Amino acid sequence: MNPQPEKNKIIEVSAAVLQRPDNSFLLAQRPPDKIWAGYWEFPGGKIEPGETPYTALVRELHEELGITVQTAYPWLTRIFTYPHATVRLNFFRATAWSGELHPHEGQQFSWQQPAWVLVDPILPANAPVLRALELPVLYAISNVAEMGVGPFLASLQAKLKKGLRLVQLREKDLSRSELRELALRVVALAHKCGAKVLLSGDVALAQEVRADGVQLTSIQLAELKARPAIDWCAASCHSADELRRAETLGCDFALLSPVLPTKSHPGAPHLGWEKFAAMAAGSTIPVYALGGLNKEDMQTAWQHGAHGIALLRHAW
């Protein structure tokens, strides 16, 4: 018999990232009469018996903030052990609601921007979530092989000016010297606009050209014993096992593919949205949907638990 059943029990919680069109999100300060008083957190609360995480979210936000959720997408799941309890935080991104925010529990509110969180202290369980919010919803993958260097760089520059903020440089047909020259130009253009660049597979080259990170192949994901020493690390996954491996390795996010049939692999097996959703459900890191998609698929991806979508041809 377990002598401490309550301590070992996981408490299920729904938490909301309320996001405004400018990408700012809401943090609430815990009131004086609660444990961890004064700490800032994402609003939410315990899931009651018979509730789904979504219905609990709707109820909690109405009780705690006085708003009615209209649109909320499943996002991340984080398990964190505090001295008093272990909680599983089921995060949703809420993008539409009605009613004016009202502190029903007397708490303070603050709208914050990703990468520029000015309130302190933050509940420890929420630190990885703040980092995940730095990621934009569109991840563009280079296509120099079909476009050519000049047209690709011109398109990249135009897209960066229109708000593109995350790029993967993946060009298997280039020599390392050619890739290095191209990477230096891509990184310079991206950094000038505040965008991040990840190189596919080559950690050393990513560090050499001062890229922001590396996109691990599924082979690297299986072989590596530790996360590379680089700021941002992502992984290319094709199964639930690979996705779990990316989490264990400490990757910041993952690509899960192929969702739909692709031009490059006609007739090859693909996941479909339902299988994608089943694999992404419960992920502790953001998951981008990849394969056979275009920009019009963004909302469908959100509905199935994706952080966003990754595009190759349709990005440019």
C-alpha atoms as a PDB file:
ATOM      1  CA  MET A   1       0.000   0.000   0.000  1.00  0.00           C
ATOM      2  CA  ASN A   2       1.299   3.436  -0.908  1.00  0.00           C
ATOM      3  CA  PRO A   3       1.838   5.410   2.329  1.00  0.00           C
ATOM      4  CA  GLN A   4       1.572   8.784   0.525  1.00  0.00           C
ATOM      5  CA  PRO A   5      -1.051   8.380  -2.220  1.00  0.00           C
ATOM      6  CA  GLU A   6      -1.920  12.094  -2.382  1.00  0.00           C
ATOM      7  CA  LYS A   7       1.678  13.226  -2.718  1.00  0.00           C
ATOM      8  CA  ASN A   8       2.330  10.781  -5.557  1.00  0.00           C
ATOM      9  CA  LYS A   9      -0.925  11.511  -7.373  1.00  0.00           C
ATOM     10  CA  ILE A  10      -0.703  13.710 -10.454  1.00  0.00           C
ATOM     11  CA  ILE A  11      -3.042  16.708 -10.292  1.00  0.00           C
ATOM     12  CA  GLU A  12      -4.572  17.479 -13.686  1.00  0.00           C
ATOM     13  CA  VAL A  13      -4.700  21.193 -14.519  1.00  0.00           C
ATOM     14  CA  SER A  14      -5.873  23.179 -17.529  1.00  0.00           C
ATOM     15  CA  ALA A  15      -3.939  26.357 -18.285  1.00  0.00           C
ATOM     16  CA  ALA A  16      -4.553  29.073 -20.858  1.00  0.00           C
ATOM     17  CA  VAL A  17      -2.224  31.158 -22.938  1.00  0.00           C
ATOM     18  CA  LEU A  18      -4.545  34.047 -23.790  1.00  0.00           C
ATOM     19  CA  GLN A  19      -3.025  35.630 -26.882  1.00  0.00           C
ATOM     20  CA  ARG A  20      -3.918  38.955 -28.475  1.00  0.00           C
ATOM     21  CA  PRO A  21      -3.303  39.724 -32.185  1.00  0.00           C
ATOM     22  CA  ASP A  22       0.006  41.425 -31.313  1.00  0.00           C
ATOM     23  CA  ASN A  23       1.208  38.077 -29.788  1.00  0.00           C
ATOM     24  CA  SER A  24       1.115  39.436 -26.254  1.00  0.00           C
ATOM     25  CA  PHE A  25      -0.141  36.966 -23.673  1.00  0.00           C
ATOM     26  CA  LEU A  26      -1.666  37.231 -20.216  1.00  0.00           C
ATOM     27  CA  LEU A  27       0.012  36.336 -16.929  1.00  0.00           C
ATOM     28  CA  ALA A  28      -1.775  36.448 -13.577  1.00  0.00           C
ATOM     29  CA  GLN A  29      -0.232  36.906 -10.138  1.00  0.00           C
ATOM     30  CA  ARG A  30      -1.246  34.377  -7.514  1.00  0.00           C
ATOM     31  CA  PRO A  31      -3.229  36.003  -4.676  1.00  0.00           C
ATOM     32  CA  PRO A  32      -1.868  36.265  -1.098  1.00  0.00           C
ATOM     33  CA  ASP A  33      -4.049  33.460   0.289  1.00  0.00           C
ATOM     34  CA  LYS A  34      -2.700  30.783  -2.116  1.00  0.00           C
ATOM     35  CA  ILE A  35       0.478  28.704  -2.112  1.00  0.00           C
ATOM     36  CA  TRP A  36       3.252  30.367  -4.153  1.00  0.00           C
ATOM     37  CA  ALA A  37       1.594  33.724  -3.455  1.00  0.00           C
ATOM     38  CA  GLY A  38       2.982  36.567  -5.575  1.00  0.00           C
ATOM     39  CA  TYR A  39       4.280  34.296  -8.342  1.00  0.00           C
ATOM     40  CA  TRP A  40       3.122  34.891 -11.909  1.00  0.00           C
ATOM     41  CA  GLU A  41       1.479  32.122 -13.914  1.00  0.00           C
ATOM     42  CA  PHE A  42      -0.825  31.362 -16.810  1.00  0.00           C
ATOM     43  CA  PRO A  43      -4.463  31.425 -15.668  1.00  0.00           C
ATOM     44  CA  GLY A  44      -6.286  28.135 -15.205  1.00  0.00           C
ATOM     45  CA  GLY A  45      -7.080  25.559 -12.559  1.00  0.00           C
ATOM     46  CA  LYS A  46      -7.746  21.950 -11.588  1.00  0.00           C
ATOM     47  CA  ILE A  47      -9.720  19.638 -13.836  1.00  0.00           C
ATOM     48  CA  GLU A  48     -12.709  18.352 -11.882  1.00  0.00           C
ATOM     49  CA  PRO A  49     -14.037  14.764 -12.150  1.00  0.00           C
ATOM     50  CA  GLY A  50     -16.049  14.318 -15.337  1.00  0.00           C
ATOM     51  CA  GLU A  51     -14.491  17.331 -17.061  1.00  0.00           C
ATOM     52  CA  THR A  52     -12.340  17.320 -20.168  1.00  0.00           C
ATOM     53  CA  PRO A  53      -9.308  19.619 -20.161  1.00  0.00           C
ATOM     54  CA  TYR A  54     -11.173  21.954 -22.512  1.00  0.00           C
ATOM     55  CA  THR A  55     -14.372  22.188 -20.434  1.00  0.00           C
ATOM     56  CA  ALA A  56     -12.257  22.766 -17.330  1.00  0.00           C
ATOM     57  CA  LEU A  57     -10.443  25.565 -19.139  1.00  0.00           C
ATOM     58  CA  VAL A  58     -13.714  27.252 -20.111  1.00  0.00           C
ATOM     59  CA  ARG A  59     -15.075  26.985 -16.564  1.00  0.00           C
ATOM     60  CA  GLU A  60     -11.881  28.192 -14.877  1.00  0.00           C
ATOM     61  CA  LEU A  61     -11.467  31.221 -17.120  1.00  0.00           C
ATOM     62  CA  HIS A  62     -15.068  32.229 -16.533  1.00  0.00           C
ATOM     63  CA  GLU A  63     -14.730  31.831 -12.753  1.00  0.00           C
ATOM     64  CA  GLU A  64     -11.258  33.350 -12.469  1.00  0.00           C
ATOM     65  CA  LEU A  65     -11.262  36.056 -15.141  1.00  0.00           C
ATOM     66  CA  GLY A  66     -14.919  36.613 -15.975  1.00  0.00           C
ATOM     67  CA  ILE A  67     -14.492  35.805 -19.685  1.00  0.00           C
ATOM     68  CA  THR A  68     -16.125  33.254 -21.977  1.00  0.00           C
ATOM     69  CA  VAL A  69     -13.738  31.319 -24.223  1.00  0.00           C
ATOM     70  CA  GLN A  70     -14.739  31.258 -27.881  1.00  0.00           C
ATOM     71  CA  THR A  71     -11.633  29.751 -29.525  1.00  0.00           C
ATOM     72  CA  ALA A  72      -8.900  27.701 -27.847  1.00  0.00           C
ATOM     73  CA  TYR A  73      -6.492  25.181 -29.352  1.00  0.00           C
ATOM     74  CA  PRO A  74      -4.704  22.303 -27.573  1.00  0.00           C
ATOM     75  CA  TRP A  75      -0.990  23.030 -27.353  1.00  0.00           C
ATOM     76  CA  LEU A  76       1.540  21.615 -24.843  1.00  0.00           C
ATOM     77  CA  THR A  77       1.496  19.342 -21.828  1.00  0.00           C
ATOM     78  CA  ARG A  78       4.023  19.879 -19.038  1.00  0.00           C
ATOM     79  CA  ILE A  79       4.495  17.736 -15.926  1.00  0.00           C
ATOM     80  CA  PHE A  80       6.165  19.467 -13.004  1.00  0.00           C
ATOM     81  CA  THR A  81       6.842  18.307  -9.464  1.00  0.00           C
ATOM     82  CA  TYR A  82       6.564  20.936  -6.746  1.00  0.00           C
ATOM     83  CA  PRO A  83       7.470  20.145  -3.111  1.00  0.00           C
ATOM     84  CA  HIS A  84       3.775  19.769  -2.295  1.00  0.00           C
ATOM     85  CA  ALA A  85       2.454  18.075  -5.454  1.00  0.00           C
ATOM     86  CA  THR A  86       3.008  16.919  -9.034  1.00  0.00           C
ATOM     87  CA  VAL A  87       0.896  18.664 -11.644  1.00  0.00           C
ATOM     88  CA  ARG A  88       0.188  17.934 -15.276  1.00  0.00           C
ATOM     89  CA  LEU A  89      -0.475  21.236 -17.041  1.00  0.00           C
ATOM     90  CA  ASN A  90      -2.618  20.894 -20.153  1.00  0.00           C
ATOM     91  CA  PHE A  91      -1.945  24.117 -22.034  1.00  0.00           C
ATOM     92  CA  PHE A  92      -4.311  25.674 -24.548  1.00  0.00           C
ATOM     93  CA  ARG A  93      -3.776  28.742 -26.692  1.00  0.00           C
ATOM     94  CA  ALA A  94      -6.908  30.865 -26.469  1.00  0.00           C
ATOM     95  CA  THR A  95      -7.235  33.385 -29.277  1.00  0.00           C
ATOM     96  CA  ALA A  96     -10.836  34.590 -28.929  1.00  0.00           C
ATOM     97  CA  TRP A  97     -13.033  35.294 -25.929  1.00  0.00           C
ATOM     98  CA  SER A  98     -15.873  37.573 -24.904  1.00  0.00           C
ATOM     99  CA  GLY A  99     -16.246  39.726 -21.816  1.00  0.00           C
ATOM    100  CA  GLU A 100     -13.868  42.069 -20.031  1.00  0.00           C
ATOM    101  CA  LEU A 101     -11.109  40.674 -17.839  1.00  0.00           C
ATOM    102  CA  HIS A 102     -12.054  40.987 -14.203  1.00  0.00           C
ATOM    103  CA  PRO A 103      -9.922  39.738 -11.267  1.00  0.00           C
ATOM    104  CA  HIS A 104     -12.541  37.652  -9.479  1.00  0.00           C
ATOM    105  CA  GLU A 105      -9.901  36.401  -7.044  1.00  0.00           C
ATOM    106  CA  GLY A 106      -8.266  39.801  -6.512  1.00  0.00           C
ATOM    107  CA  GLN A 107      -5.181  38.882  -8.564  1.00  0.00           C
ATOM    108  CA  GLN A 108      -3.098  41.208 -10.714  1.00  0.00           C
ATOM    109  CA  PHE A 109      -2.927  40.817 -14.507  1.00  0.00           C
ATOM    110  CA  SER A 110      -0.161  41.717 -16.925  1.00  0.00           C
ATOM    111  CA  TRP A 111       0.131  41.425 -20.704  1.00  0.00           C
ATOM    112  CA  GLN A 112       3.617  40.355 -21.751  1.00  0.00           C
ATOM    113  CA  GLN A 113       5.565  39.785 -24.965  1.00  0.00           C
ATOM    114  CA  PRO A 114       7.528  36.602 -25.773  1.00  0.00           C
ATOM    115  CA  ALA A 115      11.243  37.006 -24.980  1.00  0.00           C
ATOM    116  CA  TRP A 116      10.470  40.232 -23.077  1.00  0.00           C
ATOM    117  CA  VAL A 117       8.718  39.069 -19.920  1.00  0.00           C
ATOM    118  CA  LEU A 118       9.041  41.881 -17.403  1.00  0.00           C
ATOM    119  CA  VAL A 119       7.181  40.453 -14.377  1.00  0.00           C
ATOM    120  CA  ASP A 120       8.880  38.356 -11.723  1.00  0.00           C
ATOM    121  CA  PRO A 121       8.955  35.776 -10.199  1.00  0.00           C
ATOM    122  CA  ILE A 122       7.452  33.242 -12.622  1.00  0.00           C
ATOM    123  CA  LEU A 123       6.196  29.871 -11.402  1.00  0.00           C
ATOM    124  CA  PRO A 124       8.978  27.346 -12.187  1.00  0.00           C
ATOM    125  CA  ALA A 125       6.708  25.087 -14.253  1.00  0.00           C
ATOM    126  CA  ASN A 126       6.079  27.908 -16.738  1.00  0.00           C
ATOM    127  CA  ALA A 127       9.654  28.746 -17.792  1.00  0.00           C
ATOM    128  CA  PRO A 128       9.781  26.287 -20.770  1.00  0.00           C
ATOM    129  CA  VAL A 129       6.382  27.532 -21.893  1.00  0.00           C
ATOM    130  CA  LEU A 130       7.654  31.105 -22.117  1.00  0.00           C
ATOM    131  CA  ARG A 131      10.475  29.922 -24.380  1.00  0.00           C
ATOM    132  CA  ALA A 132       8.044  28.025 -26.588  1.00  0.00           C
ATOM    133  CA  LEU A 133       6.021  31.205 -27.049  1.00  0.00           C
ATOM    134  CA  GLU A 134       9.019  32.795 -28.756  1.00  0.00           C
ATOM    135  CA  LEU A 135       8.452  30.480 -31.730  1.00  0.00           C
ATOM    136  CA  PRO A 136       6.352  31.879 -34.585  1.00  0.00           C
ATOM    137  CA  VAL A 137       3.627  29.722 -36.116  1.00  0.00           C
ATOM    138  CA  LEU A 138       5.254  29.563 -39.578  1.00  0.00           C
ATOM    139  CA  TYR A 139       8.528  27.712 -40.167  1.00  0.00           C
ATOM    140  CA  ALA A 140       9.898  28.193 -43.693  1.00  0.00           C
ATOM    141  CA  ILE A 141      12.250  25.614 -45.224  1.00  0.00           C
ATOM    142  CA  SER A 142      14.677  26.728 -47.929  1.00  0.00           C
ATOM    143  CA  ASN A 143      14.185  25.588 -51.525  1.00  0.00           C
ATOM    144  CA  VAL A 144      17.337  26.634 -53.353  1.00  0.00           C
ATOM    145  CA  ALA A 145      17.416  23.322 -55.241  1.00  0.00           C
ATOM    146  CA  GLU A 146      14.333  24.318 -57.274  1.00  0.00           C
ATOM    147  CA  MET A 147      14.564  28.113 -57.151  1.00  0.00           C
ATOM    148  CA  GLY A 148      18.272  28.813 -57.528  1.00  0.00           C
ATOM    149  CA  VAL A 149      20.357  30.903 -55.127  1.00  0.00           C
ATOM    150  CA  GLY A 150      19.486  34.354 -56.466  1.00  0.00           C
ATOM    151  CA  PRO A 151      15.697  33.956 -56.628  1.00  0.00           C
ATOM    152  CA  PHE A 152      15.649  32.224 -53.239  1.00  0.00           C
ATOM    153  CA  LEU A 153      17.579  35.030 -51.529  1.00  0.00           C
ATOM    154  CA  ALA A 154      15.322  37.627 -53.138  1.00  0.00           C
ATOM    155  CA  SER A 155      12.227  35.782 -51.949  1.00  0.00           C
ATOM    156  CA  LEU A 156      13.727  35.332 -48.486  1.00  0.00           C
ATOM    157  CA  GLN A 157      14.419  39.041 -48.188  1.00  0.00           C
ATOM    158  CA  ALA A 158      10.856  39.873 -49.235  1.00  0.00           C
ATOM    159  CA  LYS A 159       9.325  37.356 -46.807  1.00  0.00           C
ATOM    160  CA  LEU A 160      11.482  38.602 -43.935  1.00  0.00           C
ATOM    161  CA  LYS A 161      10.260  42.143 -44.555  1.00  0.00           C
ATOM    162  CA  LYS A 162       6.685  40.826 -44.363  1.00  0.00           C
ATOM    163  CA  GLY A 163       7.269  39.156 -40.994  1.00  0.00           C
ATOM    164  CA  LEU A 164       8.853  35.721 -41.547  1.00  0.00           C
ATOM    165  CA  ARG A 165      10.781  34.939 -38.358  1.00  0.00           C
ATOM    166  CA  LEU A 166      11.899  31.277 -38.512  1.00  0.00           C
ATOM    167  CA  VAL A 167      13.861  29.654 -41.353  1.00  0.00           C
ATOM    168  CA  GLN A 168      15.476  26.279 -41.832  1.00  0.00           C
ATOM    169  CA  LEU A 169      18.353  26.068 -44.298  1.00  0.00           C
ATOM    170  CA  ARG A 170      18.199  22.547 -45.753  1.00  0.00           C
ATOM    171  CA  GLU A 171      20.076  22.057 -49.004  1.00  0.00           C
ATOM    172  CA  LYS A 172      21.371  18.505 -49.453  1.00  0.00           C
ATOM    173  CA  ASP A 173      22.753  19.056 -52.956  1.00  0.00           C
ATOM    174  CA  LEU A 174      25.223  21.808 -52.041  1.00  0.00           C
ATOM    175  CA  SER A 175      28.846  21.160 -51.117  1.00  0.00           C
ATOM    176  CA  ARG A 176      29.845  22.193 -47.616  1.00  0.00           C
ATOM    177  CA  SER A 177      31.682  25.257 -48.926  1.00  0.00           C
ATOM    178  CA  GLU A 178      28.664  26.277 -51.016  1.00  0.00           C
ATOM    179  CA  LEU A 179      26.364  25.705 -48.068  1.00  0.00           C
ATOM    180  CA  ARG A 180      28.636  27.772 -45.817  1.00  0.00           C
ATOM    181  CA  GLU A 181      28.607  30.698 -48.249  1.00  0.00           C
ATOM    182  CA  LEU A 182      24.840  30.516 -48.573  1.00  0.00           C
ATOM    183  CA  ALA A 183      24.344  30.147 -44.821  1.00  0.00           C
ATOM    184  CA  LEU A 184      26.362  33.280 -44.113  1.00  0.00           C
ATOM    185  CA  ARG A 185      24.111  35.265 -46.454  1.00  0.00           C
ATOM    186  CA  VAL A 186      20.891  33.763 -45.078  1.00  0.00           C
ATOM    187  CA  VAL A 187      21.912  34.382 -41.465  1.00  0.00           C
ATOM    188  CA  ALA A 188      22.897  37.993 -42.213  1.00  0.00           C
ATOM    189  CA  LEU A 189      19.566  38.723 -43.899  1.00  0.00           C
ATOM    190  CA  ALA A 190      17.548  36.985 -41.179  1.00  0.00           C
ATOM    191  CA  HIS A 191      19.313  38.574 -38.228  1.00  0.00           C
ATOM    192  CA  LYS A 192      18.889  42.009 -39.752  1.00  0.00           C
ATOM    193  CA  CYS A 193      15.116  41.442 -39.469  1.00  0.00           C
ATOM    194  CA  GLY A 194      15.169  39.714 -36.085  1.00  0.00           C
ATOM    195  CA  ALA A 195      14.520  36.243 -37.520  1.00  0.00           C
ATOM    196  CA  LYS A 196      16.061  32.925 -36.469  1.00  0.00           C
ATOM    197  CA  VAL A 197      17.888  30.479 -38.750  1.00  0.00           C
ATOM    198  CA  LEU A 198      18.389  26.761 -38.092  1.00  0.00           C
ATOM    199  CA  LEU A 199      20.723  24.646 -40.219  1.00  0.00           C
ATOM    200  CA  SER A 200      19.751  21.111 -41.091  1.00  0.00           C
ATOM    201  CA  GLY A 201      21.982  18.470 -39.574  1.00  0.00           C
ATOM    202  CA  ASP A 202      25.334  20.288 -39.291  1.00  0.00           C
ATOM    203  CA  VAL A 203      25.921  21.530 -35.745  1.00  0.00           C
ATOM    204  CA  ALA A 204      29.517  22.623 -36.389  1.00  0.00           C
ATOM    205  CA  LEU A 205      28.571  24.690 -39.425  1.00  0.00           C
ATOM    206  CA  ALA A 206      25.628  26.228 -37.585  1.00  0.00           C
ATOM    207  CA  GLN A 207      28.003  27.378 -34.852  1.00  0.00           C
ATOM    208  CA  GLU A 208      30.562  28.592 -37.406  1.00  0.00           C
ATOM    209  CA  VAL A 209      28.119  30.817 -39.313  1.00  0.00           C
ATOM    210  CA  ARG A 210      26.437  32.003 -36.094  1.00  0.00           C
ATOM    211  CA  ALA A 211      23.089  30.446 -36.932  1.00  0.00           C
ATOM    212  CA  ASP A 212      20.539  30.285 -34.125  1.00  0.00           C
ATOM    213  CA  GLY A 213      20.274  26.527 -34.038  1.00  0.00           C
ATOM    214  CA  VAL A 214      20.211  23.165 -35.741  1.00  0.00           C
ATOM    215  CA  GLN A 215      17.458  20.928 -37.133  1.00  0.00           C
ATOM    216  CA  LEU A 216      18.391  17.332 -36.288  1.00  0.00           C
ATOM    217  CA  THR A 217      17.598  14.579 -38.766  1.00  0.00           C
ATOM    218  CA  SER A 218      15.789  11.482 -37.513  1.00  0.00           C
ATOM    219  CA  ILE A 219      19.092   9.560 -37.787  1.00  0.00           C
ATOM    220  CA  GLN A 220      20.885  12.114 -35.605  1.00  0.00           C
ATOM    221  CA  LEU A 221      17.993  12.050 -33.175  1.00  0.00           C
ATOM    222  CA  ALA A 222      18.439   8.304 -32.697  1.00  0.00           C
ATOM    223  CA  GLU A 223      22.225   8.458 -32.381  1.00  0.00           C
ATOM    224  CA  LEU A 224      22.851  11.502 -30.169  1.00  0.00           C
ATOM    225  CA  LYS A 225      23.342  10.951 -26.450  1.00  0.00           C
ATOM    226  CA  ALA A 226      22.994  14.611 -25.502  1.00  0.00           C
ATOM    227  CA  ARG A 227      21.502  17.783 -26.921  1.00  0.00           C
ATOM    228  CA  PRO A 228      24.005  19.787 -29.029  1.00  0.00           C
ATOM    229  CA  ALA A 229      25.448  22.865 -27.357  1.00  0.00           C
ATOM    230  CA  ILE A 230      23.487  25.399 -29.390  1.00  0.00           C
ATOM    231  CA  ASP A 231      20.747  27.887 -28.586  1.00  0.00           C
ATOM    232  CA  TRP A 232      17.842  26.333 -30.505  1.00  0.00           C
ATOM    233  CA  CYS A 233      17.597  22.634 -31.254  1.00  0.00           C
ATOM    234  CA  ALA A 234      14.775  21.057 -33.263  1.00  0.00           C
ATOM    235  CA  ALA A 235      14.184  17.532 -34.533  1.00  0.00           C
ATOM    236  CA  SER A 236      12.589  16.002 -37.614  1.00  0.00           C
ATOM    237  CA  CYS A 237      10.187  13.256 -36.515  1.00  0.00           C
ATOM    238  CA  HIS A 238       7.989  10.749 -38.322  1.00  0.00           C
ATOM    239  CA  SER A 239       6.570   8.715 -35.438  1.00  0.00           C
ATOM    240  CA  ALA A 240       5.410   9.011 -31.849  1.00  0.00           C
ATOM    241  CA  ASP A 241       8.602   7.280 -30.671  1.00  0.00           C
ATOM    242  CA  GLU A 242      10.774   9.844 -32.441  1.00  0.00           C
ATOM    243  CA  LEU A 243       8.735  12.657 -30.969  1.00  0.00           C
ATOM    244  CA  ARG A 244       9.198  11.247 -27.455  1.00  0.00           C
ATOM    245  CA  ARG A 245      12.922  10.921 -28.186  1.00  0.00           C
ATOM    246  CA  ALA A 246      13.080  14.593 -29.167  1.00  0.00           C
ATOM    247  CA  GLU A 247      11.467  15.495 -25.843  1.00  0.00           C
ATOM    248  CA  THR A 248      13.893  13.305 -23.889  1.00  0.00           C
ATOM    249  CA  LEU A 249      16.897  14.819 -25.668  1.00  0.00           C
ATOM    250  CA  GLY A 250      15.711  18.296 -24.686  1.00  0.00           C
ATOM    251  CA  CYS A 251      14.841  19.641 -28.132  1.00  0.00           C
ATOM    252  CA  ASP A 252      12.999  22.954 -28.215  1.00  0.00           C
ATOM    253  CA  PHE A 253      10.498  21.858 -30.850  1.00  0.00           C
ATOM    254  CA  ALA A 254       9.848  19.204 -33.476  1.00  0.00           C
ATOM    255  CA  LEU A 255       8.609  18.747 -37.024  1.00  0.00           C
ATOM    256  CA  LEU A 256       6.165  15.867 -37.495  1.00  0.00           C
ATOM    257  CA  SER A 257       5.675  14.645 -41.056  1.00  0.00           C
ATOM    258  CA  PRO A 258       4.356  13.905 -43.580  1.00  0.00           C
ATOM    259  CA  VAL A 259       0.848  14.988 -42.689  1.00  0.00           C
ATOM    260  CA  LEU A 260      -0.583  14.919 -46.231  1.00  0.00           C
ATOM    261  CA  PRO A 261       0.659  13.544 -49.581  1.00  0.00           C
ATOM    262  CA  THR A 262       3.633  15.494 -50.914  1.00  0.00           C
ATOM    263  CA  LYS A 263       4.890  16.403 -54.377  1.00  0.00           C
ATOM    264  CA  SER A 264       8.364  15.051 -53.601  1.00  0.00           C
ATOM    265  CA  HIS A 265       7.090  11.616 -52.452  1.00  0.00           C
ATOM    266  CA  PRO A 266       3.930  10.831 -54.449  1.00  0.00           C
ATOM    267  CA  GLY A 267       2.145   7.708 -53.242  1.00  0.00           C
ATOM    268  CA  ALA A 268       4.201   7.474 -50.048  1.00  0.00           C
ATOM    269  CA  PRO A 269       2.375   6.818 -46.746  1.00  0.00           C
ATOM    270  CA  HIS A 270       1.302   9.893 -44.798  1.00  0.00           C
ATOM    271  CA  LEU A 271      -0.098  10.490 -41.335  1.00  0.00           C
ATOM    272  CA  GLY A 272      -3.342  12.343 -41.956  1.00  0.00           C
ATOM    273  CA  TRP A 273      -4.646  14.893 -39.469  1.00  0.00           C
ATOM    274  CA  GLU A 274      -6.163  12.438 -36.990  1.00  0.00           C
ATOM    275  CA  LYS A 275      -2.971  10.423 -36.618  1.00  0.00           C
ATOM    276  CA  PHE A 276      -0.971  13.636 -36.382  1.00  0.00           C
ATOM    277  CA  ALA A 277      -3.231  14.809 -33.557  1.00  0.00           C
ATOM    278  CA  ALA A 278      -2.878  11.502 -31.712  1.00  0.00           C
ATOM    279  CA  MET A 279       0.927  11.701 -31.917  1.00  0.00           C
ATOM    280  CA  ALA A 280       1.102  15.375 -30.946  1.00  0.00           C
ATOM    281  CA  ALA A 281      -1.324  14.988 -28.037  1.00  0.00           C
ATOM    282  CA  GLY A 282       0.487  15.332 -24.745  1.00  0.00           C
ATOM    283  CA  SER A 283       3.710  16.604 -26.323  1.00  0.00           C
ATOM    284  CA  THR A 284       5.876  18.625 -23.959  1.00  0.00           C
ATOM    285  CA  ILE A 285       7.411  20.625 -26.820  1.00  0.00           C
ATOM    286  CA  PRO A 286       5.820  22.558 -29.708  1.00  0.00           C
ATOM    287  CA  VAL A 287       5.136  20.444 -32.805  1.00  0.00           C
ATOM    288  CA  TYR A 288       5.010  21.826 -36.342  1.00  0.00           C
ATOM    289  CA  ALA A 289       2.994  20.000 -38.991  1.00  0.00           C
ATOM    290  CA  LEU A 290       4.895  19.382 -42.242  1.00  0.00           C
ATOM    291  CA  GLY A 291       4.110  17.756 -45.560  1.00  0.00           C
ATOM    292  CA  GLY A 292       1.649  18.636 -48.307  1.00  0.00           C
ATOM    293  CA  LEU A 293       0.443  21.794 -46.556  1.00  0.00           C
ATOM    294  CA  ASN A 294      -0.064  25.433 -47.479  1.00  0.00           C
ATOM    295  CA  LYS A 295      -0.760  28.563 -45.459  1.00  0.00           C
ATOM    296  CA  GLU A 296      -4.521  27.924 -45.534  1.00  0.00           C
ATOM    297  CA  ASP A 297      -3.934  24.807 -43.383  1.00  0.00           C
ATOM    298  CA  MET A 298      -2.790  26.809 -40.349  1.00  0.00           C
ATOM    299  CA  GLN A 299      -6.077  26.749 -38.440  1.00  0.00           C
ATOM    300  CA  THR A 300      -6.575  23.038 -39.163  1.00  0.00           C
ATOM    301  CA  ALA A 301      -3.101  22.416 -37.764  1.00  0.00           C
ATOM    302  CA  TRP A 302      -3.942  24.354 -34.586  1.00  0.00           C
ATOM    303  CA  GLN A 303      -7.149  22.387 -34.151  1.00  0.00           C
ATOM    304  CA  HIS A 304      -5.114  19.159 -34.220  1.00  0.00           C
ATOM    305  CA  GLY A 305      -2.579  20.247 -31.615  1.00  0.00           C
ATOM    306  CA  ALA A 306       0.150  21.767 -33.792  1.00  0.00           C
ATOM    307  CA  HIS A 307       2.065  24.871 -32.792  1.00  0.00           C
ATOM    308  CA  GLY A 308       2.074  25.848 -36.455  1.00  0.00           C
ATOM    309  CA  ILE A 309       3.051  24.604 -39.890  1.00  0.00           C
ATOM    310  CA  ALA A 310       6.323  24.177 -41.761  1.00  0.00           C
ATOM    311  CA  LEU A 311       6.350  24.906 -45.497  1.00  0.00           C
ATOM    312  CA  LEU A 312       8.819  24.208 -48.282  1.00  0.00           C
ATOM    313  CA  ARG A 313       7.571  25.288 -51.725  1.00  0.00           C
ATOM    314  CA  HIS A 314       4.557  27.220 -50.464  1.00  0.00           C
ATOM    315  CA  ALA A 315       6.727  29.295 -48.133  1.00  0.00           C
ATOM    316  CA  TRP A 316       8.295  31.146 -51.026  1.00  0.00           C
END
